[in-house]
Protein backbone atom coordinates (compact mmCIF):
# COMPACT_ATOMS: atom_id res chain seq x y z
CA UNK A 1 93.59 22.60 73.17
CA UNK A 2 94.14 18.87 73.68
CA UNK A 3 90.54 18.11 72.67
CA UNK A 4 91.00 20.12 69.46
CA UNK A 5 94.18 18.19 68.65
CA UNK A 6 92.49 14.84 69.33
CA UNK A 7 89.55 15.81 67.14
CA UNK A 8 91.92 16.81 64.31
CA UNK A 9 93.74 13.48 64.55
CA UNK A 10 90.40 11.64 64.50
CA UNK A 11 89.02 13.62 61.54
CA UNK A 12 92.16 13.30 59.42
CA UNK A 13 92.45 9.51 59.80
CA UNK A 14 92.01 7.69 56.51
CA UNK A 15 89.05 5.61 57.71
CA UNK A 16 86.99 8.66 58.67
CA UNK A 17 87.63 10.36 55.34
CA UNK A 18 86.82 7.14 53.45
CA UNK A 19 83.58 6.84 55.41
CA UNK A 20 82.63 10.45 54.62
CA UNK A 21 83.26 9.92 50.91
CA UNK A 22 81.20 6.72 51.02
CA UNK A 23 78.27 8.47 52.69
CA UNK A 24 78.33 11.30 50.13
CA UNK A 25 78.52 8.91 47.18
CA UNK A 26 75.81 6.74 48.76
CA UNK A 27 73.50 9.75 49.09
CA UNK A 28 74.03 10.70 45.47
CA UNK A 29 73.52 7.08 44.40
CA UNK A 30 70.26 6.99 46.37
CA UNK A 31 68.99 10.03 44.47
CA UNK A 32 69.89 8.40 41.16
CA UNK A 33 68.05 5.21 42.10
CA UNK A 34 65.00 7.17 43.29
CA UNK A 35 64.90 9.04 39.99
CA UNK A 36 65.32 5.76 38.09
CA UNK A 37 62.36 4.23 39.92
CA UNK A 38 60.07 7.30 39.83
CA UNK A 39 60.90 8.55 36.33
CA UNK A 40 61.94 5.47 34.33
CA UNK A 41 60.59 2.25 35.85
CA UNK A 42 57.23 3.18 37.39
CA UNK A 43 55.65 5.13 34.46
CA UNK A 44 55.77 2.12 32.07
CA UNK A 45 54.58 -0.18 34.87
CA UNK A 46 51.71 2.24 35.55
CA UNK A 47 50.91 2.41 31.83
CA UNK A 48 50.76 -1.39 31.66
CA UNK A 49 48.33 -1.39 34.57
CA UNK A 50 45.92 1.08 32.96
CA UNK A 51 47.66 4.49 33.31
CA UNK A 52 48.00 4.11 37.06
CA UNK A 53 50.19 6.56 39.01
CA UNK A 54 51.68 4.68 41.95
CA UNK A 55 52.23 7.88 43.93
CA UNK A 56 48.48 8.42 43.98
CA UNK A 57 47.61 4.96 45.32
CA UNK A 58 46.24 5.38 48.83
CA UNK A 59 43.73 3.82 51.14
CA UNK A 60 41.42 6.05 53.21
CA UNK A 61 41.57 5.00 56.86
CA UNK A 62 39.52 7.71 58.63
CA UNK A 63 39.11 11.39 59.31
CA UNK A 64 41.25 13.61 61.46
CA UNK A 65 39.44 16.26 63.42
CA UNK A 66 41.09 19.67 63.34
CA UNK A 67 38.76 22.47 64.27
CA UNK A 68 35.40 22.42 62.49
CA UNK A 69 36.46 20.49 59.38
CA UNK A 70 37.66 16.92 59.27
CA UNK A 71 40.39 16.01 56.82
CA UNK A 72 40.70 12.56 55.32
CA UNK A 73 43.65 10.45 56.52
CA UNK A 74 45.21 8.06 53.99
CA UNK A 75 47.61 5.16 54.01
CA UNK A 76 49.91 5.92 51.04
CA UNK A 77 50.79 2.42 49.91
CA UNK A 78 51.76 3.62 46.41
CA UNK A 79 54.67 5.60 47.85
CA UNK A 80 55.59 2.52 49.87
CA UNK A 81 55.72 0.45 46.66
CA UNK A 82 58.08 3.04 45.08
CA UNK A 83 60.30 3.00 48.18
CA UNK A 84 60.32 -0.80 48.20
CA UNK A 85 61.47 -0.89 44.57
CA UNK A 86 64.17 1.71 45.45
CA UNK A 87 65.39 -0.58 48.21
CA UNK A 88 65.44 -3.66 45.98
CA UNK A 89 67.50 -1.87 43.33
CA UNK A 90 70.01 -0.55 45.90
CA UNK A 91 70.24 -3.99 47.53
CA UNK A 92 70.90 -5.63 44.16
CA UNK A 93 73.61 -3.09 43.32
CA UNK A 94 75.31 -3.64 46.69
CA UNK A 95 75.01 -7.41 46.25
CA UNK A 96 76.72 -7.29 42.85
CA UNK A 97 79.43 -4.93 44.16
CA UNK A 98 80.21 -7.22 47.11
CA UNK A 99 80.13 -10.23 44.81
CA UNK A 100 82.64 -8.54 42.48
CA UNK A 101 84.91 -7.56 45.37
CA UNK A 102 84.82 -11.11 46.77
CA UNK A 103 85.70 -12.45 43.31
CA UNK A 104 88.69 -10.10 43.13
CA UNK A 105 89.78 -11.18 46.62
CA UNK A 106 89.65 -14.84 45.60
CA UNK A 107 91.78 -14.09 42.54
CA UNK A 108 94.42 -12.29 44.63
CA UNK A 109 94.40 -15.10 47.22
CA UNK A 110 94.98 -17.65 44.46
CA UNK A 111 97.86 -15.55 43.15
CA UNK A 112 99.39 -15.40 46.62
CA UNK A 113 99.10 -19.16 47.02
CA UNK A 114 100.60 -19.67 43.57
CA UNK A 115 103.62 -17.58 44.51
CA UNK A 116 105.95 -20.13 46.02
CA UNK A 117 108.89 -18.58 47.77
CA UNK A 118 112.13 -20.10 46.59
CA UNK A 119 114.30 -21.11 49.52
CA UNK A 120 117.34 -18.97 50.27
CA UNK A 121 118.87 -21.32 52.82
CA UNK A 122 119.48 -25.01 53.20
CA UNK A 123 120.22 -27.21 56.18
CA UNK A 124 123.65 -28.67 56.79
CA UNK A 125 123.21 -32.47 57.05
CA UNK A 126 126.01 -32.69 59.62
CA UNK A 127 125.30 -29.94 62.18
CA UNK A 128 121.74 -29.03 61.09
CA UNK A 129 122.59 -25.31 60.85
CA UNK A 130 121.05 -23.06 58.23
CA UNK A 131 123.49 -22.00 55.50
CA UNK A 132 123.01 -20.04 52.24
CA UNK A 133 121.66 -22.21 49.44
CA UNK A 134 124.69 -21.59 47.20
CA UNK A 135 127.17 -22.52 49.92
CA UNK A 136 129.44 -25.50 49.25
CA UNK A 137 130.83 -25.64 52.78
CA UNK A 138 129.02 -25.17 56.12
CA UNK A 139 130.12 -22.02 57.94
CA UNK A 140 129.52 -23.67 61.31
CA UNK A 141 131.12 -27.11 61.02
CA UNK A 142 133.07 -26.61 57.74
CA UNK A 143 131.65 -29.81 56.22
CA UNK A 144 131.38 -30.13 52.48
CA UNK A 145 127.76 -29.72 51.34
CA UNK A 146 125.98 -31.54 48.56
CA UNK A 147 123.44 -29.54 46.47
CA UNK A 148 120.65 -32.07 47.14
CA UNK A 149 120.33 -31.14 50.84
CA UNK A 150 117.91 -28.27 50.29
CA UNK A 151 115.38 -27.83 53.08
CA UNK A 152 111.96 -27.09 51.59
């Protein structure tokens, strides 16, 4: 029973659920990019290159012997070109996402730096104790305080 409880705690953690959602969205995004490359980008590129279908580009490299007949073995470099374009599009999308996130982080860091905390205490010039900023007399040594002794 302890293993089941540990597994439940592991599976319900926020990071694991976030990772699962990311993997699912990434898989769906990969399908969209593959469709974009195969159905939108490559047909016009093939048309520009003389009605060429990149999926059909292959290089014969020999014959495989299976029984009495030999079948031709091909290196499918056209499929490799499609996969390479898929990768480049995904890499560009990830690059621009990370760039946007880093830009947002810089903005929030600048906002944090711009937020200057106003002091709530000042230092007594006589006993060097910390007293509230609005105090007119030190609670430790009972000296009269001047407003200009604010410790920044």
